[in-house]
């Protein structure tokens, strides 16, 4: 029990600073039942690209056209302007405040008037900007009527547009918003648990499998980290550190280190990312199942490493010598 407490304390001391230092800032990058998709731009321009990032939480536009492109707000007023020298925000636009959060619940000051002349404020020196946009999101707290009536199938909720302006020419970003049913959550948990028990049994029978097990754990963690990064959700220091600890166990694997690295992988990288089992849309590039598979393997391999380390520590403790019958009688 004392060794287990030591492992928990060391793991917490190891991972907690990384959690604070590398946590993804801003609101977004959460699982959701609503898939936002950009289908295109009505009048494409070379150098102008738009995509959905952070699990659908934001739109991202990059303007390398050499021209100034405006994103218009909810009343058709200038909201953002992507210029060759940076990105500017019109602080007189109500959208500048409403779009600060995914729910659009930031109070709009009285000075924000869509009919007023733009007051531009530079917010970036680059040519890329991300923003929440209520036109592309499902804002209700309750599920849409289609999903309530038939929660097990995909439903198109609406087609959406975000207007853009190139000098006097108007065009738009076009996209769709869909409801998607959640995955079979219990099946993913059951699969992770069964795989973890199977791997633990295999490693107990063939100790040489420890290194491949550790490599598998590290690759699963880093695989999910890469998927998140490609989706724009940020590079999670917790995932990167957990993956590095797992790969380290493939090189040197004394029992205590196996238990420590396995606990960090399972608890922080695996269970910490297990919300991907709850909803269809996850903050990772590509379809949801590869991200869920990485997390399930992370939980299983991390648990197997931790259990293997604990069992080896227990086996290394010398058994307490039992007195012989003669010694017991002599003692009486």
C-alpha atoms as a PDB file:
ATOM      1  CA  UNK A   1       0.000   0.000   0.000  1.00  0.00           C
ATOM      2  CA  UNK A   2       2.856   2.339   0.855  1.00  0.00           C
ATOM      3  CA  UNK A   3       4.444   1.782  -2.560  1.00  0.00           C
ATOM      4  CA  UNK A   4       1.146   2.533  -4.289  1.00  0.00           C
ATOM      5  CA  UNK A   5       0.823   5.790  -2.370  1.00  0.00           C
ATOM      6  CA  UNK A   6       4.377   6.710  -3.348  1.00  0.00           C
ATOM      7  CA  UNK A   7       3.553   6.039  -7.019  1.00  0.00           C
ATOM      8  CA  UNK A   8       0.447   8.215  -6.846  1.00  0.00           C
ATOM      9  CA  UNK A   9       2.374  11.032  -5.175  1.00  0.00           C
ATOM     10  CA  UNK A  10       5.239  10.895  -7.678  1.00  0.00           C
ATOM     11  CA  UNK A  11       2.810  10.762 -10.609  1.00  0.00           C
ATOM     12  CA  UNK A  12       0.910  13.761  -9.337  1.00  0.00           C
ATOM     13  CA  UNK A  13       4.096  15.751  -8.763  1.00  0.00           C
ATOM     14  CA  UNK A  14       5.312  14.810 -12.235  1.00  0.00           C
ATOM     15  CA  UNK A  15       2.203  15.568 -14.241  1.00  0.00           C
ATOM     16  CA  UNK A  16       0.581  18.477 -12.391  1.00  0.00           C
ATOM     17  CA  UNK A  17       3.112  21.131 -13.538  1.00  0.00           C
ATOM     18  CA  UNK A  18       2.691  19.975 -17.130  1.00  0.00           C
ATOM     19  CA  UNK A  19      -1.073  20.221 -16.854  1.00  0.00           C
ATOM     20  CA  UNK A  20      -0.859  23.849 -15.804  1.00  0.00           C
ATOM     21  CA  UNK A  21       1.887  24.783 -18.229  1.00  0.00           C
ATOM     22  CA  UNK A  22       0.551  23.120 -21.341  1.00  0.00           C
ATOM     23  CA  UNK A  23      -3.220  23.233 -20.918  1.00  0.00           C
ATOM     24  CA  UNK A  24      -4.919  24.463 -24.062  1.00  0.00           C
ATOM     25  CA  UNK A  25      -6.111  28.005 -23.605  1.00  0.00           C
ATOM     26  CA  UNK A  26      -9.468  29.308 -24.677  1.00  0.00           C
ATOM     27  CA  UNK A  27     -12.874  27.740 -24.863  1.00  0.00           C
ATOM     28  CA  UNK A  28     -13.352  24.910 -27.272  1.00  0.00           C
ATOM     29  CA  UNK A  29     -11.788  21.569 -28.198  1.00  0.00           C
ATOM     30  CA  UNK A  30     -14.522  19.571 -26.448  1.00  0.00           C
ATOM     31  CA  UNK A  31     -16.523  16.582 -27.641  1.00  0.00           C
ATOM     32  CA  UNK A  32     -19.943  17.381 -29.058  1.00  0.00           C
ATOM     33  CA  UNK A  33     -22.879  15.863 -30.934  1.00  0.00           C
ATOM     34  CA  UNK A  34     -22.851  18.619 -33.577  1.00  0.00           C
ATOM     35  CA  UNK A  35     -20.553  18.479 -36.566  1.00  0.00           C
ATOM     36  CA  UNK A  36     -19.706  21.745 -38.267  1.00  0.00           C
ATOM     37  CA  UNK A  37     -18.330  21.320 -41.785  1.00  0.00           C
ATOM     38  CA  UNK A  38     -16.985  23.890 -44.243  1.00  0.00           C
ATOM     39  CA  UNK A  39     -18.130  22.890 -47.717  1.00  0.00           C
ATOM     40  CA  UNK A  40     -16.353  25.701 -49.557  1.00  0.00           C
ATOM     41  CA  UNK A  41     -16.161  29.374 -50.434  1.00  0.00           C
ATOM     42  CA  UNK A  42     -18.676  30.739 -52.925  1.00  0.00           C
ATOM     43  CA  UNK A  43     -15.962  32.552 -54.878  1.00  0.00           C
ATOM     44  CA  UNK A  44     -12.639  30.817 -54.186  1.00  0.00           C
ATOM     45  CA  UNK A  45      -9.439  32.844 -54.136  1.00  0.00           C
ATOM     46  CA  UNK A  46      -5.881  31.526 -54.381  1.00  0.00           C
ATOM     47  CA  UNK A  47      -4.356  31.952 -50.937  1.00  0.00           C
ATOM     48  CA  UNK A  48      -7.635  32.071 -49.002  1.00  0.00           C
ATOM     49  CA  UNK A  49      -8.355  28.918 -46.998  1.00  0.00           C
ATOM     50  CA  UNK A  50     -11.030  28.224 -44.404  1.00  0.00           C
ATOM     51  CA  UNK A  51     -11.461  25.191 -42.178  1.00  0.00           C
ATOM     52  CA  UNK A  52     -13.145  24.036 -38.968  1.00  0.00           C
ATOM     53  CA  UNK A  53     -10.843  23.525 -35.958  1.00  0.00           C
ATOM     54  CA  UNK A  54     -11.000  22.481 -32.313  1.00  0.00           C
ATOM     55  CA  UNK A  55     -13.690  19.885 -32.788  1.00  0.00           C
ATOM     56  CA  UNK A  56     -15.931  22.374 -34.555  1.00  0.00           C
ATOM     57  CA  UNK A  57     -15.622  25.047 -31.870  1.00  0.00           C
ATOM     58  CA  UNK A  58     -14.060  27.633 -34.188  1.00  0.00           C
ATOM     59  CA  UNK A  59     -13.624  28.575 -37.809  1.00  0.00           C
ATOM     60  CA  UNK A  60     -10.118  29.294 -39.031  1.00  0.00           C
ATOM     61  CA  UNK A  61      -9.346  31.506 -42.023  1.00  0.00           C
ATOM     62  CA  UNK A  62      -5.917  32.115 -43.561  1.00  0.00           C
ATOM     63  CA  UNK A  63      -5.477  34.951 -46.016  1.00  0.00           C
ATOM     64  CA  UNK A  64      -2.326  34.763 -48.134  1.00  0.00           C
ATOM     65  CA  UNK A  65      -3.888  36.519 -51.121  1.00  0.00           C
ATOM     66  CA  UNK A  66      -2.057  39.793 -50.545  1.00  0.00           C
ATOM     67  CA  UNK A  67      -5.450  41.545 -50.349  1.00  0.00           C
ATOM     68  CA  UNK A  68      -7.562  42.608 -47.372  1.00  0.00           C
ATOM     69  CA  UNK A  69     -10.520  40.297 -46.706  1.00  0.00           C
ATOM     70  CA  UNK A  70     -13.275  41.200 -44.257  1.00  0.00           C
ATOM     71  CA  UNK A  71     -15.394  38.795 -42.217  1.00  0.00           C
ATOM     72  CA  UNK A  72     -18.792  40.408 -41.660  1.00  0.00           C
ATOM     73  CA  UNK A  73     -20.683  40.288 -38.395  1.00  0.00           C
ATOM     74  CA  UNK A  74     -24.268  39.337 -37.610  1.00  0.00           C
ATOM     75  CA  UNK A  75     -25.708  42.602 -38.897  1.00  0.00           C
ATOM     76  CA  UNK A  76     -23.479  42.732 -41.960  1.00  0.00           C
ATOM     77  CA  UNK A  77     -21.001  45.088 -40.257  1.00  0.00           C
ATOM     78  CA  UNK A  78     -17.216  44.680 -40.556  1.00  0.00           C
ATOM     79  CA  UNK A  79     -16.106  42.288 -37.813  1.00  0.00           C
ATOM     80  CA  UNK A  80     -12.654  40.958 -38.726  1.00  0.00           C
ATOM     81  CA  UNK A  81     -10.234  42.113 -41.397  1.00  0.00           C
ATOM     82  CA  UNK A  82      -7.405  39.913 -42.575  1.00  0.00           C
ATOM     83  CA  UNK A  83      -4.798  42.255 -44.034  1.00  0.00           C
ATOM     84  CA  UNK A  84      -1.361  41.470 -45.426  1.00  0.00           C
ATOM     85  CA  UNK A  85       0.194  42.969 -42.265  1.00  0.00           C
ATOM     86  CA  UNK A  86      -2.014  41.201 -39.718  1.00  0.00           C
ATOM     87  CA  UNK A  87      -5.515  40.567 -38.410  1.00  0.00           C
ATOM     88  CA  UNK A  88      -7.704  43.402 -37.138  1.00  0.00           C
ATOM     89  CA  UNK A  89     -10.924  43.297 -35.114  1.00  0.00           C
ATOM     90  CA  UNK A  90     -13.629  45.941 -35.159  1.00  0.00           C
ATOM     91  CA  UNK A  91     -14.326  46.640 -31.471  1.00  0.00           C
ATOM     92  CA  UNK A  92     -17.493  48.473 -32.505  1.00  0.00           C
ATOM     93  CA  UNK A  93     -18.972  45.212 -33.806  1.00  0.00           C
ATOM     94  CA  UNK A  94     -21.162  43.263 -31.346  1.00  0.00           C
ATOM     95  CA  UNK A  95     -19.670  40.085 -32.830  1.00  0.00           C
ATOM     96  CA  UNK A  96     -16.321  40.992 -31.252  1.00  0.00           C
ATOM     97  CA  UNK A  97     -17.902  40.303 -27.857  1.00  0.00           C
ATOM     98  CA  UNK A  98     -20.475  37.634 -28.677  1.00  0.00           C
ATOM     99  CA  UNK A  99     -17.804  35.490 -30.310  1.00  0.00           C
ATOM    100  CA  UNK A 100     -15.484  35.474 -27.311  1.00  0.00           C
ATOM    101  CA  UNK A 101     -17.175  32.316 -26.028  1.00  0.00           C
ATOM    102  CA  UNK A 102     -18.764  29.336 -27.710  1.00  0.00           C
ATOM    103  CA  UNK A 103     -22.103  30.077 -26.050  1.00  0.00           C
ATOM    104  CA  UNK A 104     -22.032  33.754 -27.061  1.00  0.00           C
ATOM    105  CA  UNK A 105     -22.826  34.858 -23.522  1.00  0.00           C
ATOM    106  CA  UNK A 106     -20.319  37.710 -23.189  1.00  0.00           C
ATOM    107  CA  UNK A 107     -22.142  41.017 -22.413  1.00  0.00           C
ATOM    108  CA  UNK A 108     -22.091  43.446 -25.330  1.00  0.00           C
ATOM    109  CA  UNK A 109     -21.168  46.983 -24.242  1.00  0.00           C
ATOM    110  CA  UNK A 110     -23.351  49.903 -25.214  1.00  0.00           C
ATOM    111  CA  UNK A 111     -20.494  51.274 -27.326  1.00  0.00           C
ATOM    112  CA  UNK A 112     -20.762  48.304 -29.698  1.00  0.00           C
ATOM    113  CA  UNK A 113     -22.949  49.549 -32.537  1.00  0.00           C
ATOM    114  CA  UNK A 114     -23.036  47.726 -35.890  1.00  0.00           C
ATOM    115  CA  UNK A 115     -23.994  50.973 -37.634  1.00  0.00           C
ATOM    116  CA  UNK A 116     -20.992  52.883 -36.259  1.00  0.00           C
ATOM    117  CA  UNK A 117     -17.802  53.437 -38.218  1.00  0.00           C
ATOM    118  CA  UNK A 118     -15.332  50.577 -37.646  1.00  0.00           C
ATOM    119  CA  UNK A 119     -12.789  50.930 -34.837  1.00  0.00           C
ATOM    120  CA  UNK A 120     -10.018  48.562 -35.806  1.00  0.00           C
ATOM    121  CA  UNK A 121      -7.762  46.925 -33.232  1.00  0.00           C
ATOM    122  CA  UNK A 122      -4.861  44.755 -34.301  1.00  0.00           C
ATOM    123  CA  UNK A 123      -5.070  41.316 -32.658  1.00  0.00           C
ATOM    124  CA  UNK A 124      -2.416  39.413 -34.603  1.00  0.00           C
ATOM    125  CA  UNK A 125       0.591  40.038 -36.814  1.00  0.00           C
ATOM    126  CA  UNK A 126      -0.083  36.859 -38.804  1.00  0.00           C
ATOM    127  CA  UNK A 127      -2.517  36.106 -41.601  1.00  0.00           C
ATOM    128  CA  UNK A 128      -4.590  33.475 -39.771  1.00  0.00           C
ATOM    129  CA  UNK A 129      -7.490  34.038 -37.398  1.00  0.00           C
ATOM    130  CA  UNK A 130      -9.835  31.746 -35.458  1.00  0.00           C
ATOM    131  CA  UNK A 131     -13.218  32.699 -34.127  1.00  0.00           C
ATOM    132  CA  UNK A 132     -16.424  31.266 -32.708  1.00  0.00           C
ATOM    133  CA  UNK A 133     -19.321  31.900 -35.066  1.00  0.00           C
ATOM    134  CA  UNK A 134     -22.915  31.408 -33.971  1.00  0.00           C
ATOM    135  CA  UNK A 135     -24.008  30.885 -37.570  1.00  0.00           C
ATOM    136  CA  UNK A 136     -22.027  27.643 -37.687  1.00  0.00           C
ATOM    137  CA  UNK A 137     -22.923  26.263 -34.233  1.00  0.00           C
ATOM    138  CA  UNK A 138     -25.842  24.723 -32.408  1.00  0.00           C
ATOM    139  CA  UNK A 139     -26.448  27.180 -29.570  1.00  0.00           C
ATOM    140  CA  UNK A 140     -29.326  25.506 -27.777  1.00  0.00           C
ATOM    141  CA  UNK A 141     -28.764  23.634 -24.533  1.00  0.00           C
ATOM    142  CA  UNK A 142     -31.432  21.101 -25.501  1.00  0.00           C
ATOM    143  CA  UNK A 143     -31.145  18.697 -28.405  1.00  0.00           C
ATOM    144  CA  UNK A 144     -32.891  19.702 -31.639  1.00  0.00           C
ATOM    145  CA  UNK A 145     -36.360  18.237 -32.261  1.00  0.00           C
ATOM    146  CA  UNK A 146     -35.059  15.879 -34.952  1.00  0.00           C
ATOM    147  CA  UNK A 147     -32.559  14.359 -32.525  1.00  0.00           C
ATOM    148  CA  UNK A 148     -35.155  14.051 -29.766  1.00  0.00           C
ATOM    149  CA  UNK A 149     -37.504  12.185 -32.104  1.00  0.00           C
ATOM    150  CA  UNK A 150     -34.776   9.977 -33.582  1.00  0.00           C
ATOM    151  CA  UNK A 151     -31.548  10.152 -31.559  1.00  0.00           C
ATOM    152  CA  UNK A 152     -29.863   7.201 -33.279  1.00  0.00           C
ATOM    153  CA  UNK A 153     -29.465   8.703 -36.750  1.00  0.00           C
ATOM    154  CA  UNK A 154     -27.646  11.637 -38.341  1.00  0.00           C
ATOM    155  CA  UNK A 155     -29.763  14.746 -38.988  1.00  0.00           C
ATOM    156  CA  UNK A 156     -28.939  17.784 -41.107  1.00  0.00           C
ATOM    157  CA  UNK A 157     -29.836  20.770 -38.938  1.00  0.00           C
ATOM    158  CA  UNK A 158     -29.083  23.547 -41.394  1.00  0.00           C
ATOM    159  CA  UNK A 159     -26.842  24.941 -44.097  1.00  0.00           C
ATOM    160  CA  UNK A 160     -24.988  28.030 -42.930  1.00  0.00           C
ATOM    161  CA  UNK A 161     -23.040  30.892 -44.469  1.00  0.00           C
ATOM    162  CA  UNK A 162     -20.591  33.492 -43.154  1.00  0.00           C
ATOM    163  CA  UNK A 163     -20.331  36.578 -45.395  1.00  0.00           C
ATOM    164  CA  UNK A 164     -16.961  37.891 -46.567  1.00  0.00           C
ATOM    165  CA  UNK A 165     -16.005  41.049 -48.431  1.00  0.00           C
ATOM    166  CA  UNK A 166     -13.144  41.802 -50.783  1.00  0.00           C
ATOM    167  CA  UNK A 167     -13.336  45.602 -51.158  1.00  0.00           C
ATOM    168  CA  UNK A 168     -16.869  45.906 -52.595  1.00  0.00           C
ATOM    169  CA  UNK A 169     -17.285  42.301 -53.705  1.00  0.00           C
ATOM    170  CA  UNK A 170     -19.373  40.107 -51.405  1.00  0.00           C
ATOM    171  CA  UNK A 171     -18.939  36.347 -51.184  1.00  0.00           C
ATOM    172  CA  UNK A 172     -19.304  33.763 -48.399  1.00  0.00           C
ATOM    173  CA  UNK A 173     -18.042  30.749 -46.525  1.00  0.00           C
ATOM    174  CA  UNK A 174     -20.518  27.901 -46.882  1.00  0.00           C
ATOM    175  CA  UNK A 175     -21.027  24.935 -44.619  1.00  0.00           C
ATOM    176  CA  UNK A 176     -23.344  22.495 -42.918  1.00  0.00           C
ATOM    177  CA  UNK A 177     -24.338  21.672 -39.351  1.00  0.00           C
ATOM    178  CA  UNK A 178     -25.359  18.109 -38.489  1.00  0.00           C
ATOM    179  CA  UNK A 179     -26.414  16.192 -35.413  1.00  0.00           C
ATOM    180  CA  UNK A 180     -24.624  12.860 -35.014  1.00  0.00           C
ATOM    181  CA  UNK A 181     -25.560  10.151 -32.495  1.00  0.00           C
ATOM    182  CA  UNK A 182     -23.037   9.179 -29.819  1.00  0.00           C
ATOM    183  CA  UNK A 183     -20.885   6.055 -30.102  1.00  0.00           C
ATOM    184  CA  UNK A 184     -21.602   2.916 -28.077  1.00  0.00           C
ATOM    185  CA  UNK A 185     -19.820   4.130 -24.954  1.00  0.00           C
ATOM    186  CA  UNK A 186     -19.964   0.898 -22.965  1.00  0.00           C
ATOM    187  CA  UNK A 187     -18.396  -1.069 -25.819  1.00  0.00           C
ATOM    188  CA  UNK A 188     -15.320   1.173 -25.867  1.00  0.00           C
ATOM    189  CA  UNK A 189     -14.928   0.890 -22.083  1.00  0.00           C
ATOM    190  CA  UNK A 190     -15.417  -2.880 -22.186  1.00  0.00           C
ATOM    191  CA  UNK A 191     -12.890  -3.209 -24.985  1.00  0.00           C
ATOM    192  CA  UNK A 192     -10.317  -1.159 -23.075  1.00  0.00           C
ATOM    193  CA  UNK A 193     -10.840  -3.227 -19.896  1.00  0.00           C
ATOM    194  CA  UNK A 194     -10.623  -6.595 -21.648  1.00  0.00           C
ATOM    195  CA  UNK A 195      -7.557  -5.561 -23.624  1.00  0.00           C
ATOM    196  CA  UNK A 196      -5.859  -4.341 -20.461  1.00  0.00           C
ATOM    197  CA  UNK A 197      -6.465  -7.655 -18.672  1.00  0.00           C
ATOM    198  CA  UNK A 198      -5.291  -9.648 -21.705  1.00  0.00           C
ATOM    199  CA  UNK A 199      -2.082  -7.627 -22.034  1.00  0.00           C
ATOM    200  CA  UNK A 200      -1.337  -7.981 -18.317  1.00  0.00           C
ATOM    201  CA  UNK A 201      -1.733 -11.762 -18.555  1.00  0.00           C
ATOM    202  CA  UNK A 202       0.481 -11.944 -21.644  1.00  0.00           C
ATOM    203  CA  UNK A 203       3.264  -9.905 -20.054  1.00  0.00           C
ATOM    204  CA  UNK A 204       3.155 -12.072 -16.907  1.00  0.00           C
ATOM    205  CA  UNK A 205       3.639 -15.133 -19.097  1.00  0.00           C
ATOM    206  CA  UNK A 206       6.243 -13.620 -21.440  1.00  0.00           C
ATOM    207  CA  UNK A 207       8.250 -10.897 -19.699  1.00  0.00           C
ATOM    208  CA  UNK A 208       9.978  -9.947 -22.966  1.00  0.00           C
ATOM    209  CA  UNK A 209       6.689  -8.369 -24.071  1.00  0.00           C
ATOM    210  CA  UNK A 210       7.175  -5.453 -21.651  1.00  0.00           C
ATOM    211  CA  UNK A 211       9.122  -3.384 -24.185  1.00  0.00           C
ATOM    212  CA  UNK A 212       6.551  -3.828 -27.010  1.00  0.00           C
ATOM    213  CA  UNK A 213       3.784  -3.036 -24.515  1.00  0.00           C
ATOM    214  CA  UNK A 214       5.499   0.206 -23.501  1.00  0.00           C
ATOM    215  CA  UNK A 215       6.084   1.190 -27.135  1.00  0.00           C
ATOM    216  CA  UNK A 216       2.417   0.527 -27.921  1.00  0.00           C
ATOM    217  CA  UNK A 217       1.365   2.711 -24.987  1.00  0.00           C
ATOM    218  CA  UNK A 218       3.615   5.566 -26.081  1.00  0.00           C
ATOM    219  CA  UNK A 219       2.515   5.407 -29.705  1.00  0.00           C
ATOM    220  CA  UNK A 220      -1.176   5.357 -28.730  1.00  0.00           C
ATOM    221  CA  UNK A 221      -0.763   8.451 -26.558  1.00  0.00           C
ATOM    222  CA  UNK A 222       1.303  10.319 -29.130  1.00  0.00           C
ATOM    223  CA  UNK A 223      -1.077   9.272 -31.906  1.00  0.00           C
ATOM    224  CA  UNK A 224      -3.975  10.960 -30.158  1.00  0.00           C
ATOM    225  CA  UNK A 225      -1.801  13.997 -29.416  1.00  0.00           C
ATOM    226  CA  UNK A 226      -0.986  14.334 -33.135  1.00  0.00           C
ATOM    227  CA  UNK A 227      -4.667  14.026 -34.105  1.00  0.00           C
ATOM    228  CA  UNK A 228      -5.523  16.810 -31.668  1.00  0.00           C
ATOM    229  CA  UNK A 229      -2.700  18.968 -32.964  1.00  0.00           C
ATOM    230  CA  UNK A 230      -3.736  18.532 -36.587  1.00  0.00           C
ATOM    231  CA  UNK A 231      -7.277  19.579 -35.663  1.00  0.00           C
ATOM    232  CA  UNK A 232      -5.950  22.778 -34.125  1.00  0.00           C
ATOM    233  CA  UNK A 233      -6.762  21.787 -30.546  1.00  0.00           C
ATOM    234  CA  UNK A 234      -3.190  22.489 -29.442  1.00  0.00           C
ATOM    235  CA  UNK A 235      -0.311  20.239 -28.446  1.00  0.00           C
ATOM    236  CA  UNK A 236      -1.130  18.817 -25.042  1.00  0.00           C
ATOM    237  CA  UNK A 237       1.930  18.718 -22.795  1.00  0.00           C
ATOM    238  CA  UNK A 238       0.224  16.119 -20.618  1.00  0.00           C
ATOM    239  CA  UNK A 239      -0.126  13.752 -23.566  1.00  0.00           C
ATOM    240  CA  UNK A 240       3.412  14.395 -24.780  1.00  0.00           C
ATOM    241  CA  UNK A 241       4.884  13.805 -21.324  1.00  0.00           C
ATOM    242  CA  UNK A 242       2.833  10.647 -20.790  1.00  0.00           C
ATOM    243  CA  UNK A 243       3.916   9.319 -24.176  1.00  0.00           C
ATOM    244  CA  UNK A 244       7.565  10.028 -23.377  1.00  0.00           C
ATOM    245  CA  UNK A 245       7.268   8.216 -20.029  1.00  0.00           C
ATOM    246  CA  UNK A 246       5.778   5.181 -21.766  1.00  0.00           C
ATOM    247  CA  UNK A 247       8.500   5.065 -24.416  1.00  0.00           C
ATOM    248  CA  UNK A 248      11.083   5.361 -21.653  1.00  0.00           C
ATOM    249  CA  UNK A 249       9.679   2.198 -20.100  1.00  0.00           C
ATOM    250  CA  UNK A 250      10.573   0.322 -23.293  1.00  0.00           C
ATOM    251  CA  UNK A 251      14.239   1.103 -22.706  1.00  0.00           C
ATOM    252  CA  UNK A 252      14.507   0.718 -18.942  1.00  0.00           C
ATOM    253  CA  UNK A 253      11.710  -0.978 -17.073  1.00  0.00           C
ATOM    254  CA  UNK A 254      12.357  -1.531 -13.383  1.00  0.00           C
ATOM    255  CA  UNK A 255       9.118  -2.356 -11.548  1.00  0.00           C
ATOM    256  CA  UNK A 256       8.669   1.035  -9.916  1.00  0.00           C
ATOM    257  CA  UNK A 257       9.113   2.900 -13.204  1.00  0.00           C
ATOM    258  CA  UNK A 258       6.690   0.534 -14.945  1.00  0.00           C
ATOM    259  CA  UNK A 259       4.063   1.209 -12.299  1.00  0.00           C
ATOM    260  CA  UNK A 260       4.673   4.966 -12.371  1.00  0.00           C
ATOM    261  CA  UNK A 261       4.642   5.355 -16.158  1.00  0.00           C
ATOM    262  CA  UNK A 262       1.652   3.038 -16.507  1.00  0.00           C
ATOM    263  CA  UNK A 263      -0.355   4.982 -13.955  1.00  0.00           C
ATOM    264  CA  UNK A 264       0.423   8.312 -15.658  1.00  0.00           C
ATOM    265  CA  UNK A 265      -0.508   6.912 -19.077  1.00  0.00           C
ATOM    266  CA  UNK A 266      -3.762   5.301 -17.922  1.00  0.00           C
ATOM    267  CA  UNK A 267      -4.946   8.025 -15.540  1.00  0.00           C
ATOM    268  CA  UNK A 268      -3.886  11.252 -17.204  1.00  0.00           C
ATOM    269  CA  UNK A 269      -3.638  10.384 -20.909  1.00  0.00           C
ATOM    270  CA  UNK A 270      -6.293   7.649 -20.990  1.00  0.00           C
ATOM    271  CA  UNK A 271      -9.014   8.454 -18.480  1.00  0.00           C
ATOM    272  CA  UNK A 272      -8.273  12.144 -18.948  1.00  0.00           C
ATOM    273  CA  UNK A 273      -9.235  11.816 -22.621  1.00  0.00           C
ATOM    274  CA  UNK A 274     -12.082   9.338 -22.191  1.00  0.00           C
ATOM    275  CA  UNK A 275     -14.724  11.935 -23.048  1.00  0.00           C
ATOM    276  CA  UNK A 276     -14.121  10.845 -26.664  1.00  0.00           C
ATOM    277  CA  UNK A 277     -16.291   7.811 -25.826  1.00  0.00           C
ATOM    278  CA  UNK A 278     -19.270  10.048 -25.062  1.00  0.00           C
ATOM    279  CA  UNK A 279     -19.983  11.974 -28.265  1.00  0.00           C
ATOM    280  CA  UNK A 280     -19.625  11.630 -32.025  1.00  0.00           C
ATOM    281  CA  UNK A 281     -17.483  14.694 -32.735  1.00  0.00           C
ATOM    282  CA  UNK A 282     -14.098  14.791 -31.031  1.00  0.00           C
ATOM    283  CA  UNK A 283     -11.335  17.444 -31.110  1.00  0.00           C
ATOM    284  CA  UNK A 284      -9.136  15.392 -33.429  1.00  0.00           C
ATOM    285  CA  UNK A 285      -8.463  15.297 -37.140  1.00  0.00           C
ATOM    286  CA  UNK A 286     -10.325  12.717 -39.178  1.00  0.00           C
ATOM    287  CA  UNK A 287     -13.233  10.487 -38.124  1.00  0.00           C
ATOM    288  CA  UNK A 288     -13.859   9.858 -34.451  1.00  0.00           C
ATOM    289  CA  UNK A 289     -13.053   6.146 -34.271  1.00  0.00           C
ATOM    290  CA  UNK A 290      -9.243   6.404 -34.641  1.00  0.00           C
ATOM    291  CA  UNK A 291      -9.121   8.889 -31.758  1.00  0.00           C
ATOM    292  CA  UNK A 292     -11.336   6.625 -29.647  1.00  0.00           C
ATOM    293  CA  UNK A 293      -9.171   3.625 -30.537  1.00  0.00           C
ATOM    294  CA  UNK A 294      -6.025   5.481 -29.436  1.00  0.00           C
ATOM    295  CA  UNK A 295      -7.613   6.414 -26.113  1.00  0.00           C
ATOM    296  CA  UNK A 296      -8.897   2.860 -25.525  1.00  0.00           C
ATOM    297  CA  UNK A 297      -5.431   1.429 -26.241  1.00  0.00           C
ATOM    298  CA  UNK A 298      -3.900   4.094 -23.998  1.00  0.00           C
ATOM    299  CA  UNK A 299      -6.113   3.040 -21.081  1.00  0.00           C
ATOM    300  CA  UNK A 300      -5.461  -0.667 -21.686  1.00  0.00           C
ATOM    301  CA  UNK A 301      -1.691  -0.461 -22.142  1.00  0.00           C
ATOM    302  CA  UNK A 302      -1.267   2.029 -19.313  1.00  0.00           C
ATOM    303  CA  UNK A 303      -3.216  -0.182 -16.931  1.00  0.00           C
ATOM    304  CA  UNK A 304      -1.237  -3.236 -18.059  1.00  0.00           C
ATOM    305  CA  UNK A 305       2.076  -1.448 -17.440  1.00  0.00           C
ATOM    306  CA  UNK A 306       0.937  -0.270 -14.011  1.00  0.00           C
ATOM    307  CA  UNK A 307      -0.323  -3.714 -12.969  1.00  0.00           C
ATOM    308  CA  UNK A 308       2.837  -5.383 -14.262  1.00  0.00           C
ATOM    309  CA  UNK A 309       4.995  -2.998 -12.261  1.00  0.00           C
ATOM    310  CA  UNK A 310       2.966  -3.507  -9.083  1.00  0.00           C
ATOM    311  CA  UNK A 311       3.015  -7.299  -9.446  1.00  0.00           C
ATOM    312  CA  UNK A 312       6.776  -7.276  -9.985  1.00  0.00           C
ATOM    313  CA  UNK A 313       7.302  -5.064  -6.950  1.00  0.00           C
ATOM    314  CA  UNK A 314       5.193  -7.431  -4.901  1.00  0.00           C
ATOM    315  CA  UNK A 315       7.156 -10.442  -6.148  1.00  0.00           C
ATOM    316  CA  UNK A 316      10.441  -8.742  -5.265  1.00  0.00           C
ATOM    317  CA  UNK A 317       9.460  -8.321  -1.608  1.00  0.00           C
ATOM    318  CA  UNK A 318      11.005 -11.203   0.409  1.00  0.00           C
ATOM    319  CA  UNK A 319       8.448 -13.402   2.077  1.00  0.00           C
ATOM    320  CA  UNK A 320       8.347 -13.313   5.895  1.00  0.00           C
ATOM    321  CA  UNK A 321       9.975 -16.448   7.233  1.00  0.00           C
ATOM    322  CA  UNK A 322       7.551 -18.696   9.127  1.00  0.00           C
ATOM    323  CA  UNK A 323       8.878 -20.417  12.308  1.00  0.00           C
ATOM    324  CA  UNK A 324       9.256 -24.176  12.136  1.00  0.00           C
ATOM    325  CA  UNK A 325       7.065 -26.352  14.426  1.00  0.00           C
ATOM    326  CA  UNK A 326      10.091 -27.066  16.658  1.00  0.00           C
ATOM    327  CA  UNK A 327      10.856 -23.351  16.990  1.00  0.00           C
ATOM    328  CA  UNK A 328       7.225 -22.643  17.748  1.00  0.00           C
ATOM    329  CA  UNK A 329       7.212 -25.278  20.512  1.00  0.00           C
ATOM    330  CA  UNK A 330      10.488 -23.997  21.898  1.00  0.00           C
ATOM    331  CA  UNK A 331       9.072 -20.523  21.951  1.00  0.00           C
ATOM    332  CA  UNK A 332       6.144 -21.749  24.045  1.00  0.00           C
END
